[in-house]
């Protein structure tokens, strides 16, 4: 078996091609438009601003070490490749499986949020849609058809190639940022400090739980690294793209969360369209409609970036021989890894249609934290073992920053694995069983390949 077979560092570093970084569209989406309300109503209250701040500061530490890896090893494999070079094949396989949860489940969660806002827009026009076609079974429906529609639409755009998807992404990013600006302008004059009197109703421990869930809102910055092979200047683009987008997104999140909980009671925000609802409660129906449209645009860009990243990461995995070779085939006309794209579009569609977004969002956040743990370990290992390798961006005080990123992520991860009494939560059970299953699958795959190779040699 080849559990610890490693990929050559310089072989990875030399593979690059031309394409522009997709940018902020990867980050701002369901986090600010949906999860802000869920976390505020159930975990943090108005202190959701602190939850965002804690998650954001932790992510900035992670981003510093992530950017060092992404610029010294510019590859579309993201954390899969970093862990392959650092710890070997088994580690890479497991991290690839974590990326399925981080990006795939994230896309399904975003699709569910997109559905809620679209249904809200339609119903505000006086048109009622049947519940059984707009909600998942756990919410009293049968299938979430709008979630299916947006996933298939984004998949089709990506299938046509990155030129068309980048053009659409640019338009949608502009629309969603304008919508957020409109929300801030309308909400600011209506801010009432009385809504902040019970600032931390569930206690600081739940603020931390809320912070761990809100890591979902930041998962996009990691997927930016997957575009490295298609950048004109990966050294410069990734440094600015990852850290700059993260700082900007954190600032936006804190401002929006503060205004949201300052114009309505946090108890009213436990729904899938809290920003639009808050503006309607403030008698601004026009503003609510604009924000709803922006939310739809914002979520579309996140689904697009996540599916884009997943298809290219698993294209690299197939190219490395860990998955069947047909998954690394490119479309003869559109030059896209269409097999991997189709596989993940089908998976995300099924999840978005039938699974509750709350658990999907939690699992995606946990997978992101595991991703960050591996990043923190990898950058320290490379500093110790690859001292002479060119580093276009060097993380300052890496032996301080990396441990802070590691232990902060680990602490927040355990907030979703164990409850206050130390018992395994459902989300914890699922993530542990997933890792065990994928480890067993790797062993079975390795034994099968070993047996097949022996038969071929005998023949």
Protein backbone atom coordinates (compact mmCIF):
# COMPACT_ATOMS: atom_id res chain seq x y z
CA UNK A 1 0.00 0.00 0.00
CA UNK A 2 1.04 3.64 -0.47
CA UNK A 3 -0.44 5.35 2.59
CA UNK A 4 2.51 7.73 2.89
CA UNK A 5 3.60 7.98 -0.72
CA UNK A 6 4.20 11.67 -1.32
CA UNK A 7 3.87 13.91 -4.33
CA UNK A 8 7.00 15.68 -5.53
CA UNK A 9 6.98 19.35 -4.55
CA UNK A 10 8.59 20.70 -7.70
CA UNK A 11 6.33 18.62 -9.96
CA UNK A 12 3.36 20.40 -8.39
CA UNK A 13 4.87 23.85 -8.52
CA UNK A 14 5.59 23.83 -12.25
CA UNK A 15 1.97 23.19 -13.43
CA UNK A 16 0.31 26.60 -14.22
CA UNK A 17 -1.94 28.13 -16.86
CA UNK A 18 -3.65 31.43 -17.53
CA UNK A 19 -6.91 32.53 -15.90
CA UNK A 20 -8.00 35.40 -13.68
CA UNK A 21 -8.91 34.91 -10.05
CA UNK A 22 -12.69 34.95 -9.52
CA UNK A 23 -12.49 36.93 -6.25
CA UNK A 24 -14.96 38.06 -3.64
CA UNK A 25 -17.86 36.15 -5.18
CA UNK A 26 -16.59 33.02 -3.42
CA UNK A 27 -17.20 34.34 0.09
CA UNK A 28 -20.13 36.71 0.56
CA UNK A 29 -23.34 34.73 0.14
CA UNK A 30 -25.48 32.57 2.38
CA UNK A 31 -23.48 33.48 5.47
CA UNK A 32 -24.59 37.09 5.54
CA UNK A 33 -28.00 36.59 3.93
CA UNK A 34 -29.19 33.49 5.85
CA UNK A 35 -26.96 32.22 8.67
CA UNK A 36 -26.75 35.62 10.38
CA UNK A 37 -30.41 35.26 11.34
CA UNK A 38 -30.19 31.58 12.29
CA UNK A 39 -27.17 32.09 14.57
CA UNK A 40 -28.60 35.25 16.10
CA UNK A 41 -31.96 33.65 16.92
CA UNK A 42 -30.61 30.36 18.28
CA UNK A 43 -27.09 30.96 19.66
CA UNK A 44 -25.77 34.50 19.93
CA UNK A 45 -28.55 37.08 19.93
CA UNK A 46 -27.17 40.55 19.05
CA UNK A 47 -23.75 39.18 20.02
CA UNK A 48 -23.71 37.56 16.57
CA UNK A 49 -21.38 40.48 15.81
CA UNK A 50 -18.90 38.94 18.27
CA UNK A 51 -19.42 35.52 16.68
CA UNK A 52 -18.48 36.98 13.32
CA UNK A 53 -15.53 38.82 14.81
CA UNK A 54 -14.14 35.68 16.48
CA UNK A 55 -14.60 33.63 13.32
CA UNK A 56 -13.12 36.40 11.20
CA UNK A 57 -10.03 36.92 13.36
CA UNK A 58 -9.40 33.18 13.43
CA UNK A 59 -9.78 33.05 9.66
CA UNK A 60 -7.30 35.91 9.22
CA UNK A 61 -4.68 33.85 11.08
CA UNK A 62 -5.57 30.89 8.88
CA UNK A 63 -5.48 33.06 5.75
CA UNK A 64 -1.92 34.16 6.52
CA UNK A 65 -0.67 30.58 6.58
CA UNK A 66 -3.01 29.57 3.73
CA UNK A 67 -1.62 32.30 1.50
CA UNK A 68 1.94 31.16 2.10
CA UNK A 69 0.99 27.66 0.94
CA UNK A 70 -1.07 28.87 -2.00
CA UNK A 71 1.68 31.15 -3.36
CA UNK A 72 4.59 28.75 -2.82
CA UNK A 73 2.58 25.84 -4.25
CA UNK A 74 0.15 27.33 -6.79
CA UNK A 75 -2.01 24.41 -7.85
CA UNK A 76 -5.69 23.68 -8.40
CA UNK A 77 -5.50 20.86 -5.82
CA UNK A 78 -5.83 23.23 -2.83
CA UNK A 79 -5.57 21.47 0.57
CA UNK A 80 -5.59 18.08 -1.16
CA UNK A 81 -2.25 18.87 -2.79
CA UNK A 82 -0.78 20.57 0.28
CA UNK A 83 -1.53 17.54 2.45
CA UNK A 84 -0.27 15.19 -0.28
CA UNK A 85 3.11 16.90 -0.33
CA UNK A 86 3.26 17.27 3.47
CA UNK A 87 1.86 14.01 4.84
CA UNK A 88 1.35 11.58 1.97
CA UNK A 89 -1.38 9.89 -0.01
CA UNK A 90 -3.70 8.74 2.76
CA UNK A 91 -3.83 12.25 4.20
CA UNK A 92 -4.53 13.66 0.74
CA UNK A 93 -7.35 11.16 0.20
CA UNK A 94 -9.00 12.06 3.51
CA UNK A 95 -8.67 15.80 2.86
CA UNK A 96 -10.25 15.30 -0.56
CA UNK A 97 -13.21 13.69 1.19
CA UNK A 98 -13.36 16.65 3.60
CA UNK A 99 -13.48 19.02 0.63
CA UNK A 100 -16.61 17.22 -0.59
CA UNK A 101 -18.33 18.21 2.65
CA UNK A 102 -16.78 21.67 2.86
CA UNK A 103 -17.61 22.79 -0.68
CA UNK A 104 -20.31 20.34 -1.76
CA UNK A 105 -22.48 20.61 1.36
CA UNK A 106 -21.86 24.35 1.34
CA UNK A 107 -23.23 24.58 -2.19
CA UNK A 108 -26.33 22.63 -1.18
CA UNK A 109 -26.89 24.92 1.81
CA UNK A 110 -26.54 27.97 -0.41
CA UNK A 111 -28.99 26.48 -2.92
CA UNK A 112 -31.53 26.05 -0.10
CA UNK A 113 -31.06 29.68 0.97
CA UNK A 114 -31.39 30.81 -2.66
CA UNK A 115 -34.66 28.92 -2.84
CA UNK A 116 -36.03 30.61 0.28
CA UNK A 117 -35.32 34.11 -1.03
CA UNK A 118 -36.74 33.36 -4.49
CA UNK A 119 -39.91 31.91 -2.97
CA UNK A 120 -40.15 35.01 -0.77
CA UNK A 121 -39.90 37.30 -3.81
CA UNK A 122 -42.57 35.33 -5.67
CA UNK A 123 -44.92 35.27 -2.69
CA UNK A 124 -44.48 39.02 -2.14
CA UNK A 125 -45.94 39.42 -5.63
CA UNK A 126 -49.08 37.57 -4.48
CA UNK A 127 -48.24 34.20 -6.02
CA UNK A 128 -48.38 31.19 -3.69
CA UNK A 129 -46.23 28.15 -4.39
CA UNK A 130 -47.07 24.68 -3.02
CA UNK A 131 -45.05 23.81 0.07
CA UNK A 132 -44.37 20.28 -1.13
CA UNK A 133 -42.38 21.70 -4.07
CA UNK A 134 -40.39 24.33 -2.15
CA UNK A 135 -39.36 22.62 1.09
CA UNK A 136 -37.39 19.53 2.05
CA UNK A 137 -39.20 16.58 3.76
CA UNK A 138 -38.00 17.55 7.26
CA UNK A 139 -39.71 20.94 6.84
CA UNK A 140 -43.01 19.46 5.71
CA UNK A 141 -42.39 19.42 1.97
CA UNK A 142 -41.37 16.78 -0.55
CA UNK A 143 -38.70 18.36 -2.75
CA UNK A 144 -37.04 21.77 -2.98
CA UNK A 145 -37.39 22.43 -6.70
CA UNK A 146 -35.92 25.97 -6.73
CA UNK A 147 -32.74 24.58 -5.15
CA UNK A 148 -32.60 21.99 -7.92
CA UNK A 149 -33.11 24.66 -10.58
CA UNK A 150 -30.29 26.95 -9.44
CA UNK A 151 -27.82 24.09 -9.06
CA UNK A 152 -28.53 22.81 -12.57
CA UNK A 153 -28.36 26.33 -14.00
CA UNK A 154 -24.98 27.07 -12.40
CA UNK A 155 -23.69 23.66 -13.45
CA UNK A 156 -24.70 24.38 -17.06
CA UNK A 157 -22.94 27.78 -17.03
CA UNK A 158 -19.76 26.19 -15.67
CA UNK A 159 -20.03 23.42 -18.24
CA UNK A 160 -19.81 26.05 -20.98
CA UNK A 161 -16.43 27.20 -19.67
CA UNK A 162 -14.86 29.78 -17.38
CA UNK A 163 -15.17 32.70 -19.78
CA UNK A 164 -18.96 32.67 -19.59
CA UNK A 165 -19.02 31.84 -15.87
CA UNK A 166 -16.58 34.65 -15.04
CA UNK A 167 -18.71 37.19 -16.91
CA UNK A 168 -21.85 36.12 -15.06
CA UNK A 169 -19.95 35.99 -11.75
CA UNK A 170 -18.76 39.60 -12.17
CA UNK A 171 -22.30 40.86 -12.80
CA UNK A 172 -23.75 38.95 -9.82
CA UNK A 173 -21.00 40.11 -7.43
CA UNK A 174 -21.80 43.72 -8.33
CA UNK A 175 -25.54 43.14 -7.76
CA UNK A 176 -25.10 41.51 -4.34
CA UNK A 177 -22.65 44.17 -3.10
CA UNK A 178 -25.09 46.89 -4.15
CA UNK A 179 -27.85 45.06 -2.27
CA UNK A 180 -25.74 44.92 0.88
CA UNK A 181 -25.00 48.64 0.50
CA UNK A 182 -28.75 49.34 0.17
CA UNK A 183 -29.44 47.32 3.34
CA UNK A 184 -26.83 49.30 5.29
CA UNK A 185 -28.15 52.67 4.06
CA UNK A 186 -31.77 51.80 4.91
CA UNK A 187 -31.09 50.00 8.19
CA UNK A 188 -28.67 52.52 9.74
CA UNK A 189 -31.26 55.27 10.42
CA UNK A 190 -33.63 52.68 11.94
CA UNK A 191 -31.09 51.24 14.38
CA UNK A 192 -32.51 51.14 17.91
CA UNK A 193 -30.21 50.35 20.83
CA UNK A 194 -33.13 48.82 22.78
CA UNK A 195 -32.74 45.67 20.64
CA UNK A 196 -29.22 45.28 22.05
CA UNK A 197 -30.18 45.47 25.73
CA UNK A 198 -30.15 41.69 26.00
CA UNK A 199 -26.90 41.54 24.05
CA UNK A 200 -25.80 38.00 24.92
CA UNK A 201 -29.01 36.10 25.83
CA UNK A 202 -27.60 32.58 25.44
CA UNK A 203 -24.23 33.12 27.16
CA UNK A 204 -20.70 33.36 25.81
CA UNK A 205 -20.39 29.61 25.23
CA UNK A 206 -23.18 29.79 22.66
CA UNK A 207 -21.52 32.83 21.10
CA UNK A 208 -18.56 30.52 20.44
CA UNK A 209 -20.87 27.82 19.07
CA UNK A 210 -22.36 30.45 16.79
CA UNK A 211 -18.87 31.47 15.75
CA UNK A 212 -18.01 27.89 14.79
CA UNK A 213 -21.17 27.69 12.66
CA UNK A 214 -20.40 31.01 10.99
CA UNK A 215 -17.15 29.57 9.65
CA UNK A 216 -19.48 28.47 6.87
CA UNK A 217 -19.51 32.13 5.84
CA UNK A 218 -15.76 32.13 5.21
CA UNK A 219 -15.24 28.84 3.40
CA UNK A 220 -14.99 30.57 0.04
CA UNK A 221 -11.54 32.05 0.63
CA UNK A 222 -9.97 28.60 0.62
CA UNK A 223 -11.49 27.71 -2.72
CA UNK A 224 -9.74 30.70 -4.28
CA UNK A 225 -6.49 28.74 -4.06
CA UNK A 226 -7.94 26.15 -6.45
CA UNK A 227 -7.77 28.71 -9.30
CA UNK A 228 -4.00 29.04 -9.02
CA UNK A 229 -3.21 27.06 -12.17
CA UNK A 230 -5.45 29.38 -14.18
CA UNK A 231 -4.03 32.70 -12.94
CA UNK A 232 -1.86 35.06 -14.94
CA UNK A 233 0.10 35.95 -11.81
CA UNK A 234 -0.68 33.49 -9.00
CA UNK A 235 1.87 34.99 -6.61
CA UNK A 236 0.28 38.43 -6.60
CA UNK A 237 -3.34 37.46 -7.26
CA UNK A 238 -3.60 34.90 -4.47
CA UNK A 239 -1.96 37.11 -1.87
CA UNK A 240 -4.34 39.98 -2.56
CA UNK A 241 -7.35 37.78 -3.33
CA UNK A 242 -7.34 35.59 -0.23
CA UNK A 243 -6.39 38.05 2.51
CA UNK A 244 -8.04 41.11 0.97
CA UNK A 245 -11.35 39.36 0.30
CA UNK A 246 -11.39 37.87 3.80
CA UNK A 247 -10.82 41.20 5.57
CA UNK A 248 -13.49 42.88 3.45
CA UNK A 249 -15.98 40.05 4.00
CA UNK A 250 -15.43 40.11 7.78
CA UNK A 251 -16.06 43.86 7.86
CA UNK A 252 -19.26 43.47 5.84
CA UNK A 253 -20.50 40.65 8.05
CA UNK A 254 -20.01 42.57 11.29
CA UNK A 255 -21.70 45.73 9.98
CA UNK A 256 -24.68 43.86 8.54
CA UNK A 257 -25.10 41.67 11.65
CA UNK A 258 -24.98 44.70 13.94
CA UNK A 259 -27.59 46.60 11.94
CA UNK A 260 -29.79 43.53 11.49
CA UNK A 261 -30.07 42.86 15.22
CA UNK A 262 -30.46 46.59 15.85
CA UNK A 263 -33.59 47.12 13.74
CA UNK A 264 -35.63 44.06 14.83
CA UNK A 265 -35.77 41.70 17.78
CA UNK A 266 -33.29 38.85 17.26
CA UNK A 267 -36.05 36.34 18.09
CA UNK A 268 -37.74 37.15 14.77
CA UNK A 269 -34.70 36.23 12.70
CA UNK A 270 -34.94 32.43 12.75
CA UNK A 271 -35.86 32.16 9.08
CA UNK A 272 -34.12 31.78 5.74
CA UNK A 273 -34.48 35.44 4.66
CA UNK A 274 -33.71 37.57 7.74
CA UNK A 275 -32.41 40.67 5.94
CA UNK A 276 -35.48 40.99 3.73
CA UNK A 277 -37.77 40.32 6.71
CA UNK A 278 -36.03 42.96 8.86
CA UNK A 279 -36.52 45.64 6.20
CA UNK A 280 -40.19 44.69 5.78
CA UNK A 281 -40.59 45.05 9.55
CA UNK A 282 -39.05 48.52 9.16
CA UNK A 283 -41.70 49.36 6.52
CA UNK A 284 -39.24 49.35 3.63
CA UNK A 285 -40.77 46.95 1.12
CA UNK A 286 -38.74 48.36 -1.76
CA UNK A 287 -35.52 47.94 0.18
CA UNK A 288 -36.58 44.42 1.14
CA UNK A 289 -37.12 43.53 -2.52
CA UNK A 290 -33.72 44.95 -3.53
CA UNK A 291 -31.95 43.00 -0.77
CA UNK A 292 -33.79 39.81 -1.76
CA UNK A 293 -32.60 40.19 -5.36
CA UNK A 294 -29.06 40.83 -4.11
CA UNK A 295 -29.24 37.76 -1.90
CA UNK A 296 -30.25 35.64 -4.88
CA UNK A 297 -27.33 37.06 -6.87
CA UNK A 298 -24.88 36.58 -4.00
CA UNK A 299 -25.83 32.98 -3.41
CA UNK A 300 -25.55 32.22 -7.12
CA UNK A 301 -21.90 33.36 -7.14
CA UNK A 302 -21.07 31.16 -4.13
CA UNK A 303 -22.61 28.06 -5.70
CA UNK A 304 -20.70 28.84 -8.87
CA UNK A 305 -17.34 29.23 -7.14
CA UNK A 306 -17.74 26.13 -4.98
CA UNK A 307 -18.73 23.87 -7.88
CA UNK A 308 -15.95 25.39 -9.95
CA UNK A 309 -13.42 24.62 -7.23
CA UNK A 310 -14.69 21.09 -6.58
CA UNK A 311 -14.63 20.10 -10.25
CA UNK A 312 -11.04 21.30 -10.65
CA UNK A 313 -9.76 19.82 -7.40
CA UNK A 314 -11.12 16.38 -8.30
CA UNK A 315 -9.77 16.81 -11.82
CA UNK A 316 -6.33 17.10 -10.19
CA UNK A 317 -7.03 14.08 -7.96
CA UNK A 318 -7.97 12.01 -11.00
CA UNK A 319 -4.90 13.26 -12.85
CA UNK A 320 -2.80 12.03 -9.90
CA UNK A 321 -4.28 8.53 -10.24
CA UNK A 322 -6.31 8.39 -7.02
CA UNK A 323 -9.57 8.40 -8.97
CA UNK A 324 -10.55 6.90 -12.35
CA UNK A 325 -8.90 8.60 -15.31
CA UNK A 326 -12.21 9.47 -17.01
CA UNK A 327 -12.72 12.12 -14.29
CA UNK A 328 -9.74 14.08 -15.62
CA UNK A 329 -11.04 14.28 -19.17
CA UNK A 330 -11.63 17.79 -20.52
CA UNK A 331 -14.50 18.70 -22.79
CA UNK A 332 -13.19 18.95 -26.37
CA UNK A 333 -15.00 22.25 -27.01
CA UNK A 334 -15.40 23.99 -23.65
CA UNK A 335 -12.15 22.76 -22.06
CA UNK A 336 -13.89 21.98 -18.76
CA UNK A 337 -13.55 18.84 -16.55
CA UNK A 338 -17.12 17.94 -17.38
CA UNK A 339 -17.24 14.48 -15.77
CA UNK A 340 -16.33 15.77 -12.31
CA UNK A 341 -18.61 18.76 -12.78
CA UNK A 342 -21.60 16.56 -13.65
CA UNK A 343 -20.94 14.28 -10.67
CA UNK A 344 -20.92 17.15 -8.19
CA UNK A 345 -23.88 18.93 -9.75
CA UNK A 346 -25.92 15.75 -9.27
CA UNK A 347 -24.70 15.37 -5.66
CA UNK A 348 -25.39 19.00 -4.70
CA UNK A 349 -28.80 18.87 -6.39
CA UNK A 350 -29.81 15.83 -4.34
CA UNK A 351 -28.62 17.38 -1.08
CA UNK A 352 -30.30 20.72 -1.76
CA UNK A 353 -33.58 19.05 -2.74
CA UNK A 354 -33.97 16.73 0.24
CA UNK A 355 -31.70 17.70 3.18
CA UNK A 356 -32.23 20.47 5.80
CA UNK A 357 -29.83 23.36 5.29
CA UNK A 358 -29.12 23.71 9.02
CA UNK A 359 -27.25 20.39 9.31
CA UNK A 360 -25.56 20.86 5.93
CA UNK A 361 -24.28 24.26 7.01
CA UNK A 362 -22.93 22.89 10.28
CA UNK A 363 -21.12 20.02 8.55
CA UNK A 364 -19.64 22.39 5.98
CA UNK A 365 -18.32 24.62 8.77
CA UNK A 366 -16.77 21.63 10.54
CA UNK A 367 -15.10 20.49 7.33
CA UNK A 368 -13.68 23.99 6.84
CA UNK A 369 -12.20 23.89 10.35
CA UNK A 370 -10.58 20.51 9.61
CA UNK A 371 -9.20 22.05 6.41
CA UNK A 372 -7.68 24.87 8.47
CA UNK A 373 -6.12 22.42 10.92
CA UNK A 374 -4.31 20.68 8.06
CA UNK A 375 -3.20 24.01 6.57
CA UNK A 376 -1.71 25.13 9.89
CA UNK A 377 0.24 21.88 10.28
CA UNK A 378 1.42 21.85 6.67
CA UNK A 379 2.90 25.35 6.67
CA UNK A 380 4.94 24.62 9.80
CA UNK A 381 6.19 21.33 8.36
CA UNK A 382 7.25 23.04 5.12
CA UNK A 383 9.10 25.75 7.05
CA UNK A 384 11.08 23.02 8.80
CA UNK A 385 11.70 20.68 5.85
CA UNK A 386 11.69 22.99 2.80
CA UNK A 387 13.65 25.95 4.10
CA UNK A 388 15.20 26.95 0.75
CA UNK A 389 12.02 26.92 -1.34
CA UNK A 390 10.96 30.29 -2.76
CA UNK A 391 8.08 31.80 -0.80
CA UNK A 392 6.54 34.80 -2.60
CA UNK A 393 4.50 35.44 0.55
CA UNK A 394 5.87 34.52 3.98
CA UNK A 395 3.51 34.35 6.92
CA UNK A 396 4.82 36.74 9.60
CA UNK A 397 5.76 35.07 12.89
CA UNK A 398 4.66 31.74 11.44
CA UNK A 399 5.56 29.74 14.56
CA UNK A 400 3.14 31.92 16.50
CA UNK A 401 0.44 32.51 13.88
CA UNK A 402 0.17 28.88 12.76
CA UNK A 403 -0.31 27.44 16.30
CA UNK A 404 -2.88 30.15 17.08
CA UNK A 405 -4.75 29.25 13.88
CA UNK A 406 -4.50 25.53 14.70
CA UNK A 407 -5.71 25.63 18.29
CA UNK A 408 -8.42 28.24 17.61
CA UNK A 409 -9.80 26.09 14.81
CA UNK A 410 -9.56 22.94 16.93
CA UNK A 411 -11.39 24.57 19.83
CA UNK A 412 -14.20 25.84 17.62
CA UNK A 413 -14.42 22.48 15.86
CA UNK A 414 -15.05 20.70 19.16
CA UNK A 415 -17.87 23.16 19.88
CA UNK A 416 -19.81 21.38 17.14
CA UNK A 417 -18.60 17.87 17.93
CA UNK A 418 -19.38 17.81 21.66
CA UNK A 419 -22.07 19.48 23.74
CA UNK A 420 -21.44 21.17 27.10
CA UNK A 421 -21.67 17.79 28.86
CA UNK A 422 -19.10 16.20 26.58
CA UNK A 423 -21.58 14.09 24.62
CA UNK A 424 -21.26 13.60 20.86
CA UNK A 425 -23.61 15.81 18.86
CA UNK A 426 -25.25 14.52 15.69
CA UNK A 427 -22.96 16.68 13.55
CA UNK A 428 -19.96 15.22 15.36
CA UNK A 429 -21.14 11.65 14.78
CA UNK A 430 -21.65 12.29 11.08
CA UNK A 431 -18.22 13.85 10.50
CA UNK A 432 -16.43 11.09 12.44
CA UNK A 433 -18.29 8.32 10.59
CA UNK A 434 -17.52 10.00 7.27
CA UNK A 435 -13.77 10.08 7.98
CA UNK A 436 -13.77 6.45 9.14
CA UNK A 437 -15.73 5.36 6.05
CA UNK A 438 -13.37 7.19 3.68
CA UNK A 439 -10.31 5.72 5.43
CA UNK A 440 -11.74 2.19 5.01
CA UNK A 441 -12.57 2.96 1.38
CA UNK A 442 -8.97 4.03 0.79
CA UNK A 443 -7.64 0.78 2.28
CA UNK A 444 -10.04 -1.32 0.18
CA UNK A 445 -9.06 0.65 -2.93
CA UNK A 446 -5.36 0.16 -2.20
CA UNK A 447 -5.77 -3.59 -1.66
CA UNK A 448 -7.77 -3.90 -4.88
CA UNK A 449 -5.18 -2.02 -6.92
CA UNK A 450 -2.38 -4.08 -5.36
CA UNK A 451 -4.15 -7.36 -6.27
CA UNK A 452 -4.90 -6.15 -9.78
CA UNK A 453 -1.29 -5.15 -10.34
CA UNK A 454 -0.11 -8.60 -9.24
CA UNK A 455 -2.50 -10.26 -11.71
CA UNK A 456 -1.25 -8.01 -14.51
CA UNK A 457 2.40 -8.79 -13.67
CA UNK A 458 1.72 -12.57 -13.64
CA UNK A 459 -0.04 -12.35 -16.97
